[in-house]
Amino acid sequence: MRSLTLVALAISTLLGACGTMAPAYQQPAAPVPATWPSGAAYAPADAKAGTNASTTPATDLAWRDFVHDERLRKVIAQALADSRDLRKTLADIESARAQYRVQRAAELPTVDAGASGSRARSLSSTSGSSNTTVQTQSYTANLGVSSYEVDLFGRVRSLTGAALETYLATEEAARTTRISLIAETATAWIAYAADGSQRTIAQRTMESAARSMTLTRKRLEAGVASRVDVRQAETVYQQARADVASYTTAVAQDRNALELLVGSRVDDALLPDALPAGGADWVADVPAGLSSSVLLQRPDVLQAEHQLKSANANIGAARAALFPSLTLTATGGVASAALSTLLSGGATVWSLAPALSLPIFDGGAGRANVAYAEAQQKGYLASYELAIQTAFKEVADALARRGTMQEQLAAQTELVNAAQDSYDLSNARYTKGVDTFLNALDSQRTLYSAQQTLVTARQTALANQVLVYRVLGGGAAPGESAPWTSSTP
């Protein structure tokens, strides 16, 4: 019985040893330039060597090394542990892994064991004699292979390959989600700090405007100012007052958005009060390098390539379905009329029943399935190329922003300094009665606007550092532990 099973397995293995009918896969050429764009916007990129500059490429830089602020590290670690989005992608991976295992099992015969016994009593009669009672009994035990498809043309192996690539695509999708979660959490944390800075500026401006209103009212009472001056002073005060309320709301909403990303409550001690005035070493500057080939290592691009490979394997399965299929049913065991002699010599029974099926007429369904699989493959090829082009555009945009960001920050900082001096001088001249209140009011408005714009520029600079890291494929560096890498399919 054991020998029969081994022979059946050997025959099925030899008959199914041929390759698949899937087209030979070749990685498509990247439909983007080999190097990053150049020009005025890109000239300073990667030329700056600051204290937070990194020499490690983004794809090899672990997120804990990219993030320098310990509070932000803790918030991101909390997000990676509690985020529901990430948990959903991990469940998708488990599902894809299980589906792959189910399909892979179809490559091997399913061996079943069975045992049965029967006992019957019947009447029999012969001509001219009375009825007699006949008792019959039988016992069997067997092992069998039932309807195993011998993979002559690689249909089953092609389906297994497609399932494997689908599983690998879900792993890359999880890496993409992980990178996005890291970047979005850092960006939301920075936005919280920026709105806190804006609220502080609005509060200071409101307090300054309140002092100006008090001074102007006193000058009105003394007869050296008009009601127009008082009302003009109130405009700045009321604008700043409205902004304080608006930014107080924004800070609360920023926290809500951050905690939705994290998936749980964020401790107050881990939240920043404001953006630092002199710039922050919160995250590292990562180099983009010269070659755009780094895009091929982005998880979303790898995901698209695995989907393309899966579609390529499905073509092989569709082609193989046009050819004959061979199924094998075999059993081997023992049988006896008495249980005591079931395992005695001469009780061995066996059967071998191969079946060959050849499609003759199906109304064109088989060839239509091949055409469908080929069309799907073309669609996934276009998606793969689009993923590379989109990645190139994202990196180019981020580098263009980084290339001019320092110049913008320097200019905006000088504008704030100049506006502050102008306001101090204009306010002093008005206080001494040398100048009109309108000049002091204009200077205060200019200063307020310049301070707000500087905060926005600092927020943009920090968010762009996070964006550069993200679009270059950072956040899933080799060697970093991830929940889905603990087991193999």
Protein backbone atom coordinates (compact mmCIF):
# COMPACT_ATOMS: atom_id res chain seq x y z
CA MET A 1 0.00 0.00 0.00
CA ARG A 2 2.80 2.39 0.88
CA SER A 3 4.69 1.39 -2.25
CA LEU A 4 1.65 2.17 -4.41
CA THR A 5 1.34 5.61 -2.91
CA LEU A 6 5.03 6.34 -3.48
CA VAL A 7 4.77 5.17 -7.07
CA ALA A 8 1.75 7.41 -7.68
CA LEU A 9 3.58 10.39 -6.25
CA ALA A 10 6.67 9.66 -8.34
CA ILE A 11 4.65 9.36 -11.53
CA SER A 12 2.78 12.60 -10.88
CA THR A 13 6.00 14.43 -10.12
CA LEU A 14 7.69 13.20 -13.31
CA LEU A 15 4.68 14.02 -15.47
CA GLY A 16 4.40 17.51 -13.98
CA ALA A 17 8.08 18.36 -14.15
CA CYS A 18 7.81 20.53 -17.24
CA GLY A 19 7.86 24.33 -17.04
CA THR A 20 4.99 26.78 -17.34
CA MET A 21 3.59 28.46 -20.43
CA ALA A 22 3.84 31.97 -18.96
CA PRO A 23 5.84 34.52 -21.00
CA ALA A 24 9.42 34.98 -19.82
CA TYR A 25 9.38 37.97 -17.47
CA GLN A 26 11.75 40.87 -18.08
CA GLN A 27 11.70 43.98 -15.95
CA PRO A 28 10.40 46.86 -18.10
CA ALA A 29 12.68 49.82 -18.68
CA ALA A 30 11.92 52.77 -16.41
CA PRO A 31 10.05 55.44 -18.45
CA VAL A 32 11.80 58.34 -16.70
CA PRO A 33 15.17 60.12 -17.07
CA ALA A 34 18.15 58.40 -15.51
CA THR A 35 19.00 61.47 -13.40
CA TRP A 36 17.00 64.04 -11.46
CA PRO A 37 15.97 67.34 -13.09
CA SER A 38 18.44 70.23 -13.04
CA GLY A 39 18.00 73.98 -13.13
CA ALA A 40 17.72 77.00 -10.89
CA ALA A 41 15.31 75.31 -8.51
CA TYR A 42 17.52 72.23 -8.10
CA ALA A 43 21.02 73.72 -8.07
CA PRO A 44 21.43 73.99 -4.28
CA ALA A 45 19.90 70.56 -3.64
CA ASP A 46 22.23 68.17 -1.81
CA ALA A 47 24.90 70.88 -1.73
CA LYS A 48 23.94 72.07 1.74
CA ALA A 49 25.83 70.43 4.57
CA GLY A 50 23.98 71.28 7.76
CA THR A 51 24.18 69.81 11.22
CA ASN A 52 21.21 67.59 10.47
CA ALA A 53 22.41 66.38 7.06
CA SER A 54 22.66 62.62 6.55
CA THR A 55 25.05 60.79 4.28
CA THR A 56 22.94 57.61 4.31
CA PRO A 57 20.46 57.16 1.43
CA ALA A 58 16.81 57.29 2.41
CA THR A 59 16.24 53.64 1.48
CA ASP A 60 18.92 52.56 3.97
CA LEU A 61 18.10 55.10 6.70
CA ALA A 62 15.94 53.70 9.50
CA TRP A 63 13.19 56.06 10.60
CA ARG A 64 14.61 56.27 14.14
CA ASP A 65 17.84 57.63 12.65
CA PHE A 66 15.92 60.03 10.42
CA VAL A 67 13.91 61.46 13.34
CA HIS A 68 16.13 63.27 15.83
CA ASP A 69 13.55 64.60 18.31
CA GLU A 70 12.89 62.04 21.04
CA ARG A 71 9.28 63.18 21.53
CA LEU A 72 8.49 62.64 17.86
CA ARG A 73 10.17 59.23 17.94
CA LYS A 74 7.86 58.15 20.74
CA VAL A 75 4.80 59.43 18.92
CA ILE A 76 5.74 57.58 15.71
CA ALA A 77 6.49 54.38 17.63
CA GLN A 78 3.07 54.69 19.25
CA ALA A 79 1.49 55.12 15.81
CA LEU A 80 3.23 52.02 14.45
CA ALA A 81 1.88 50.04 17.38
CA ASP A 82 -1.70 51.37 17.48
CA SER A 83 -2.62 52.57 13.99
CA ARG A 84 -5.75 50.86 12.67
CA ASP A 85 -4.69 51.48 9.07
CA LEU A 86 -1.53 49.48 9.62
CA ARG A 87 -3.43 46.73 11.42
CA LYS A 88 -5.74 46.47 8.40
CA THR A 89 -2.81 46.03 6.02
CA LEU A 90 -1.33 43.34 8.27
CA ALA A 91 -4.64 41.47 8.12
CA ASP A 92 -4.52 41.75 4.32
CA ILE A 93 -1.05 40.18 4.37
CA GLU A 94 -2.27 37.27 6.48
CA SER A 95 -5.14 36.72 4.05
CA ALA A 96 -2.84 36.77 1.01
CA ARG A 97 -0.38 34.42 2.72
CA ALA A 98 -3.17 31.94 3.48
CA GLN A 99 -4.48 32.11 -0.10
CA TYR A 100 -1.00 31.43 -1.43
CA ARG A 101 -0.64 28.38 0.82
CA VAL A 102 -4.00 27.05 -0.37
CA GLN A 103 -2.96 27.41 -4.01
CA ARG A 104 0.50 25.95 -3.40
CA ALA A 105 -1.09 22.86 -1.84
CA ALA A 106 -2.80 22.16 -5.19
CA GLU A 107 0.60 21.21 -6.64
CA LEU A 108 0.75 18.11 -4.42
CA PRO A 109 -1.59 15.13 -4.30
CA THR A 110 -4.09 14.96 -1.48
CA VAL A 111 -3.76 11.58 0.24
CA ASP A 112 -6.75 10.36 2.22
CA ALA A 113 -7.05 7.32 4.48
CA GLY A 114 -10.24 5.39 4.97
CA ALA A 115 -11.56 2.32 6.74
CA SER A 116 -14.95 0.70 6.46
CA GLY A 117 -16.78 -2.42 7.49
CA SER A 118 -20.13 -3.92 6.58
CA ARG A 119 -22.25 -6.84 7.73
CA ALA A 120 -25.48 -7.98 6.07
CA ARG A 121 -28.09 -10.71 6.47
CA SER A 122 -30.24 -11.90 3.57
CA LEU A 123 -32.48 -14.78 2.52
CA SER A 124 -31.74 -17.01 -0.40
CA SER A 125 -33.69 -19.84 -1.89
CA THR A 126 -33.13 -22.45 -4.52
CA SER A 127 -35.64 -24.35 -6.59
CA GLY A 128 -37.35 -27.03 -4.59
CA SER A 129 -35.80 -26.09 -1.27
CA SER A 130 -36.67 -23.82 1.62
CA ASN A 131 -35.18 -20.39 2.19
CA THR A 132 -31.85 -20.18 3.91
CA THR A 133 -30.26 -17.28 5.78
CA VAL A 134 -27.00 -15.88 4.40
CA GLN A 135 -24.75 -13.57 6.35
CA THR A 136 -22.00 -11.57 4.59
CA GLN A 137 -19.37 -9.24 6.00
CA SER A 138 -16.41 -7.30 4.64
CA TYR A 139 -13.71 -4.97 5.98
CA THR A 140 -11.45 -2.60 4.04
CA ALA A 141 -8.65 -0.12 4.82
CA ASN A 142 -7.02 2.04 2.17
CA LEU A 143 -5.00 5.08 1.22
CA GLY A 144 -5.96 6.99 -1.91
CA VAL A 145 -5.15 9.90 -4.17
CA SER A 146 -8.36 11.37 -5.60
CA SER A 147 -8.59 13.46 -8.80
CA TYR A 148 -5.06 14.86 -8.60
CA GLU A 149 -4.27 17.06 -11.60
CA VAL A 150 -0.91 16.18 -13.09
CA ASP A 151 0.48 19.58 -14.08
CA LEU A 152 1.58 18.68 -17.61
CA PHE A 153 1.56 22.23 -18.96
CA GLY A 154 2.19 24.21 -15.78
CA ARG A 155 -1.34 25.54 -15.18
CA VAL A 156 -1.29 24.88 -11.45
CA ARG A 157 2.26 26.15 -11.07
CA SER A 158 1.32 29.33 -12.93
CA LEU A 159 -1.60 29.89 -10.56
CA THR A 160 0.72 29.30 -7.61
CA GLY A 161 3.20 31.82 -9.01
CA ALA A 162 0.40 34.35 -9.44
CA ALA A 163 -0.73 33.82 -5.84
CA LEU A 164 2.83 34.24 -4.59
CA GLU A 165 3.25 37.55 -6.44
CA THR A 166 -0.08 38.76 -5.08
CA TYR A 167 1.11 37.92 -1.58
CA LEU A 168 4.38 39.77 -2.13
CA ALA A 169 2.43 42.75 -3.49
CA THR A 170 0.45 42.95 -0.24
CA GLU A 171 3.72 42.99 1.71
CA GLU A 172 4.91 45.96 -0.33
CA ALA A 173 1.53 47.63 0.16
CA ALA A 174 2.04 47.27 3.91
CA ARG A 175 5.48 48.87 3.60
CA THR A 176 3.92 51.75 1.69
CA THR A 177 1.33 52.17 4.43
CA ARG A 178 4.07 52.09 7.05
CA ILE A 179 6.11 54.76 5.27
CA SER A 180 3.01 56.92 4.81
CA LEU A 181 2.12 56.53 8.48
CA ILE A 182 5.59 57.62 9.60
CA ALA A 183 5.59 60.63 7.28
CA GLU A 184 2.01 61.69 7.98
CA THR A 185 2.52 61.42 11.74
CA ALA A 186 5.64 63.59 11.57
CA THR A 187 3.89 66.11 9.31
CA ALA A 188 0.86 66.30 11.63
CA TRP A 189 3.17 66.77 14.63
CA ILE A 190 4.94 69.64 12.82
CA ALA A 191 1.57 71.19 11.86
CA TYR A 192 0.56 71.13 15.53
CA ALA A 193 3.74 73.01 16.41
CA ALA A 194 3.26 75.52 13.58
CA ASP A 195 -0.30 76.40 14.58
CA GLY A 196 0.91 76.76 18.15
CA SER A 197 3.46 79.31 16.90
CA GLN A 198 0.79 81.13 14.91
CA ARG A 199 -1.42 81.33 17.99
CA THR A 200 1.45 82.74 20.04
CA ILE A 201 2.15 85.42 17.40
CA ALA A 202 -1.54 86.33 17.29
CA GLN A 203 -1.66 86.62 21.10
CA ARG A 204 1.41 88.87 21.17
CA THR A 205 0.01 91.03 18.38
CA MET A 206 -3.32 91.28 20.19
CA GLU A 207 -1.55 92.38 23.38
CA SER A 208 0.52 94.94 21.47
CA ALA A 209 -2.58 96.24 19.70
CA ALA A 210 -4.35 96.53 23.07
CA ARG A 211 -1.54 98.72 24.36
CA SER A 212 -1.75 100.83 21.21
CA MET A 213 -5.50 101.25 21.72
CA THR A 214 -4.96 102.34 25.32
CA LEU A 215 -2.33 104.87 24.26
CA THR A 216 -4.48 106.18 21.42
CA ARG A 217 -7.50 106.63 23.68
CA LYS A 218 -5.36 108.64 26.12
CA ARG A 219 -4.14 110.81 23.26
CA LEU A 220 -7.75 111.26 22.15
CA GLU A 221 -8.69 112.40 25.66
CA ALA A 222 -5.74 114.80 25.58
CA GLY A 223 -6.90 116.20 22.25
CA VAL A 224 -3.83 115.14 20.25
CA ALA A 225 -5.44 112.17 18.44
CA SER A 226 -8.65 111.56 16.57
CA ARG A 227 -11.31 108.90 16.83
CA VAL A 228 -10.04 107.61 13.47
CA ASP A 229 -6.76 106.64 15.17
CA VAL A 230 -8.66 104.80 17.89
CA ARG A 231 -10.78 102.86 15.42
CA GLN A 232 -7.73 102.00 13.30
CA ALA A 233 -5.97 100.65 16.37
CA GLU A 234 -9.03 98.51 17.06
CA THR A 235 -8.83 96.89 13.61
CA VAL A 236 -5.47 95.28 14.37
CA TYR A 237 -6.64 94.23 17.82
CA GLN A 238 -9.84 92.62 16.56
CA GLN A 239 -8.04 90.87 13.70
CA ALA A 240 -5.48 89.40 16.09
CA ARG A 241 -8.25 88.47 18.50
CA ALA A 242 -10.08 86.58 15.76
CA ASP A 243 -6.84 84.86 14.77
CA VAL A 244 -6.24 83.72 18.35
CA ALA A 245 -9.62 82.02 18.36
CA SER A 246 -9.00 80.52 14.92
CA TYR A 247 -5.58 79.12 15.78
CA THR A 248 -6.85 77.79 19.11
CA THR A 249 -9.34 75.77 17.10
CA ALA A 250 -6.62 74.73 14.63
CA VAL A 251 -4.37 73.45 17.43
CA ALA A 252 -7.21 71.35 18.84
CA GLN A 253 -8.02 69.97 15.39
CA ASP A 254 -4.33 69.26 14.74
CA ARG A 255 -4.24 67.16 17.89
CA ASN A 256 -7.37 65.29 16.83
CA ALA A 257 -5.81 64.56 13.43
CA LEU A 258 -2.57 63.42 15.03
CA GLU A 259 -4.35 61.08 17.44
CA LEU A 260 -6.40 59.60 14.61
CA LEU A 261 -3.15 58.73 12.84
CA VAL A 262 -1.58 57.39 16.02
CA GLY A 263 -4.66 55.40 16.97
CA SER A 264 -4.61 56.38 20.64
CA ARG A 265 -4.26 59.35 22.98
CA VAL A 266 -0.98 61.27 22.70
CA ASP A 267 0.53 62.41 25.99
CA ASP A 268 0.79 66.18 26.46
CA ALA A 269 4.50 65.86 27.22
CA LEU A 270 5.10 64.53 23.68
CA LEU A 271 3.52 67.53 21.95
CA PRO A 272 5.59 70.57 20.85
CA ASP A 273 4.49 74.02 21.98
CA ALA A 274 5.77 75.84 18.89
CA LEU A 275 8.28 75.75 16.08
CA PRO A 276 11.76 76.78 17.25
CA ALA A 277 12.69 80.30 16.18
CA GLY A 278 16.13 79.38 14.85
CA GLY A 279 15.19 76.22 12.98
CA ALA A 280 14.91 72.73 14.38
CA ASP A 281 17.04 69.64 14.18
CA TRP A 282 13.89 67.55 14.41
CA VAL A 283 14.54 65.43 11.31
CA ALA A 284 17.51 64.77 9.05
CA ASP A 285 18.20 66.03 5.53
CA VAL A 286 18.61 62.97 3.31
CA PRO A 287 20.56 62.96 0.04
CA ALA A 288 18.75 62.21 -3.19
CA GLY A 289 21.86 61.07 -5.04
CA LEU A 290 22.20 61.41 -8.79
CA SER A 291 20.44 58.37 -10.23
CA SER A 292 16.67 57.96 -10.38
CA SER A 293 17.07 54.17 -10.22
CA VAL A 294 16.43 54.45 -6.48
CA LEU A 295 12.75 54.71 -7.40
CA LEU A 296 12.72 51.03 -8.33
CA GLN A 297 13.14 50.23 -4.62
CA ARG A 298 10.11 52.22 -3.51
CA PRO A 299 7.51 49.86 -2.01
CA ASP A 300 4.67 51.20 -4.17
CA VAL A 301 6.76 50.60 -7.31
CA LEU A 302 7.69 47.11 -6.10
CA GLN A 303 4.02 46.45 -5.37
CA ALA A 304 3.11 47.40 -8.95
CA GLU A 305 5.88 45.12 -10.27
CA HIS A 306 4.64 42.14 -8.24
CA GLN A 307 1.15 42.73 -9.61
CA LEU A 308 2.63 42.76 -13.12
CA LYS A 309 4.41 39.46 -12.42
CA SER A 310 1.17 37.97 -11.13
CA ALA A 311 -0.63 38.98 -14.32
CA ASN A 312 2.22 37.49 -16.32
CA ALA A 313 1.79 34.16 -14.52
CA ASN A 314 -1.96 34.21 -15.16
CA ILE A 315 -1.24 34.23 -18.90
CA GLY A 316 0.57 30.91 -18.45
CA ALA A 317 -2.43 29.44 -16.60
CA ALA A 318 -4.83 30.61 -19.31
CA ARG A 319 -2.64 29.18 -22.07
CA ALA A 320 -2.24 25.83 -20.28
CA ALA A 321 -6.02 25.51 -20.00
CA LEU A 322 -6.17 25.15 -23.81
CA PHE A 323 -4.27 21.85 -23.63
CA PRO A 324 -5.24 18.39 -22.33
CA SER A 325 -5.42 17.86 -18.59
CA LEU A 326 -4.55 14.63 -16.84
CA THR A 327 -6.05 13.66 -13.50
CA LEU A 328 -5.01 10.71 -11.42
CA THR A 329 -7.05 8.69 -8.97
CA ALA A 330 -5.32 5.84 -7.19
CA THR A 331 -6.08 3.76 -4.13
CA GLY A 332 -4.30 0.96 -2.36
CA GLY A 333 -5.18 -1.01 0.72
CA VAL A 334 -6.40 -4.28 2.14
CA ALA A 335 -9.76 -6.02 2.15
CA SER A 336 -11.08 -9.15 3.86
CA ALA A 337 -14.28 -10.86 4.78
CA ALA A 338 -13.07 -11.18 8.34
CA LEU A 339 -11.51 -8.54 10.53
CA SER A 340 -9.01 -11.03 11.90
CA THR A 341 -7.55 -11.68 8.43
CA LEU A 342 -7.59 -8.03 7.25
CA LEU A 343 -3.82 -7.68 7.41
CA SER A 344 -2.95 -11.20 6.31
CA GLY A 345 -1.21 -11.99 3.07
CA GLY A 346 -3.29 -11.93 -0.08
CA ALA A 347 -5.66 -9.24 1.22
CA THR A 348 -4.04 -6.43 -0.78
CA VAL A 349 -6.24 -4.48 -3.22
CA TRP A 350 -5.42 -1.53 -5.42
CA SER A 351 -6.72 0.56 -8.29
CA LEU A 352 -5.22 3.15 -10.64
CA ALA A 353 -7.52 5.32 -12.77
CA PRO A 354 -5.88 8.07 -14.84
CA ALA A 355 -8.25 10.30 -16.84
CA LEU A 356 -7.29 12.50 -19.80
CA SER A 357 -9.49 15.44 -20.79
CA LEU A 358 -9.04 17.37 -24.04
CA PRO A 359 -11.04 20.53 -24.72
CA ILE A 360 -12.52 20.33 -28.22
CA PHE A 361 -15.21 23.01 -28.39
CA ASP A 362 -15.93 25.66 -25.75
CA GLY A 363 -17.31 28.44 -27.89
CA GLY A 364 -14.00 30.31 -27.79
CA ALA A 365 -14.00 30.70 -24.01
CA GLY A 366 -10.47 29.34 -23.62
CA ARG A 367 -8.92 31.73 -26.12
CA ALA A 368 -10.98 34.57 -24.69
CA ASN A 369 -9.47 33.79 -21.27
CA VAL A 370 -6.00 34.03 -22.79
CA ALA A 371 -6.88 37.37 -24.41
CA TYR A 372 -8.27 38.58 -21.10
CA ALA A 373 -5.11 37.58 -19.22
CA GLU A 374 -2.92 39.31 -21.83
CA ALA A 375 -5.02 42.48 -21.64
CA GLN A 376 -4.75 42.43 -17.85
CA GLN A 377 -0.99 42.10 -18.14
CA LYS A 378 -0.86 45.17 -20.41
CA GLY A 379 -2.91 47.10 -17.88
CA TYR A 380 -0.59 46.18 -15.02
CA LEU A 381 2.40 47.10 -17.18
CA ALA A 382 0.93 50.57 -17.69
CA SER A 383 0.25 50.82 -13.93
CA TYR A 384 3.84 49.86 -13.17
CA GLU A 385 5.22 52.48 -15.54
CA LEU A 386 2.81 55.09 -14.16
CA ALA A 387 3.94 54.26 -10.61
CA ILE A 388 7.55 55.01 -11.62
CA GLN A 389 6.58 58.24 -13.39
CA THR A 390 4.51 59.36 -10.40
CA ALA A 391 7.39 58.58 -8.06
CA PHE A 392 9.78 60.58 -10.25
CA LYS A 393 7.42 63.56 -10.24
CA GLU A 394 7.04 63.42 -6.46
CA VAL A 395 10.79 63.36 -5.91
CA ALA A 396 11.39 66.13 -8.46
CA ASP A 397 8.77 68.36 -6.80
CA ALA A 398 10.23 67.74 -3.35
CA LEU A 399 13.77 68.49 -4.55
CA ALA A 400 12.59 71.68 -6.28
CA ARG A 401 11.07 72.83 -3.00
CA ARG A 402 14.18 71.91 -1.03
CA GLY A 403 16.48 73.62 -3.53
CA THR A 404 14.98 77.06 -2.90
CA MET A 405 13.76 76.66 0.68
CA GLN A 406 16.85 78.00 2.43
CA GLU A 407 16.89 81.13 0.27
CA GLN A 408 13.22 81.73 1.04
CA LEU A 409 13.78 81.22 4.77
CA ALA A 410 16.73 83.62 4.80
CA ALA A 411 14.79 86.28 2.92
CA GLN A 412 11.70 85.88 5.11
CA THR A 413 13.79 86.09 8.28
CA GLU A 414 15.36 89.33 7.10
CA LEU A 415 11.89 90.64 6.22
CA VAL A 416 10.69 89.98 9.76
CA ASN A 417 13.76 91.74 11.19
CA ALA A 418 13.23 94.74 8.94
CA ALA A 419 9.50 94.85 9.72
CA GLN A 420 10.25 94.69 13.45
CA ASP A 421 12.67 97.63 13.22
CA SER A 422 10.21 99.58 11.11
CA TYR A 423 7.42 99.03 13.61
CA ASP A 424 9.61 99.98 16.59
CA LEU A 425 10.69 103.20 14.89
CA SER A 426 7.21 104.13 13.66
CA ASN A 427 5.64 103.43 17.04
CA ALA A 428 8.31 105.51 18.81
CA ARG A 429 7.78 108.41 16.40
CA TYR A 430 4.02 108.26 16.93
CA THR A 431 4.39 108.10 20.70
CA LYS A 432 6.52 111.24 20.60
CA GLY A 433 4.08 112.95 18.26
CA VAL A 434 6.52 113.11 15.36
CA ASP A 435 4.60 110.81 12.98
CA THR A 436 1.00 109.80 12.28
CA PHE A 437 -0.61 106.70 13.70
CA LEU A 438 -1.26 105.40 10.19
CA ASN A 439 2.44 104.71 9.63
CA ALA A 440 2.71 102.86 12.93
CA LEU A 441 -0.41 100.88 12.06
CA ASP A 442 0.92 99.88 8.64
CA SER A 443 4.22 98.81 10.19
CA GLN A 444 2.41 96.67 12.76
CA ARG A 445 0.32 94.99 10.08
CA THR A 446 3.41 94.33 7.97
CA LEU A 447 5.22 92.82 10.94
CA TYR A 448 2.26 90.60 11.83
CA SER A 449 1.96 89.29 8.27
CA ALA A 450 5.73 88.73 7.94
CA GLN A 451 5.84 86.76 11.21
CA GLN A 452 2.96 84.55 10.10
CA THR A 453 4.59 83.89 6.73
CA LEU A 454 7.90 82.99 8.40
CA VAL A 455 6.18 80.37 10.55
CA THR A 456 4.53 78.94 7.44
CA ALA A 457 7.89 78.82 5.66
CA ARG A 458 9.52 77.02 8.58
CA GLN A 459 6.67 74.53 8.65
CA THR A 460 7.04 73.99 4.90
CA ALA A 461 10.78 73.43 5.23
CA LEU A 462 10.38 70.78 7.94
CA ALA A 463 7.48 69.09 6.17
CA ASN A 464 9.54 69.02 2.97
CA GLN A 465 12.39 67.23 4.75
CA VAL A 466 9.86 64.57 5.76
CA LEU A 467 8.47 64.48 2.23
CA VAL A 468 11.91 63.98 0.63
CA TYR A 469 12.53 61.05 2.98
CA ARG A 470 9.16 59.57 2.15
CA VAL A 471 9.25 59.89 -1.65
CA LEU A 472 12.78 58.46 -1.80
CA GLY A 473 11.50 55.29 -0.13
CA GLY A 474 12.63 55.93 3.44
CA GLY A 475 10.89 54.39 6.42
CA ALA A 476 11.33 50.73 5.51
CA ALA A 477 15.07 50.32 5.61
CA PRO A 478 16.48 46.77 5.31
CA GLY A 479 16.90 45.16 8.71
CA GLU A 480 14.11 47.11 10.38
CA SER A 481 11.74 44.81 12.22
CA ALA A 482 8.22 44.67 10.87
CA PRO A 483 5.28 42.55 12.03
CA TRP A 484 4.80 40.87 8.64
CA THR A 485 8.41 39.69 8.24
CA SER A 486 8.32 37.24 11.15
CA SER A 487 7.04 34.30 9.10
CA THR A 488 7.38 32.97 5.59
CA PRO A 489 4.60 31.84 3.24
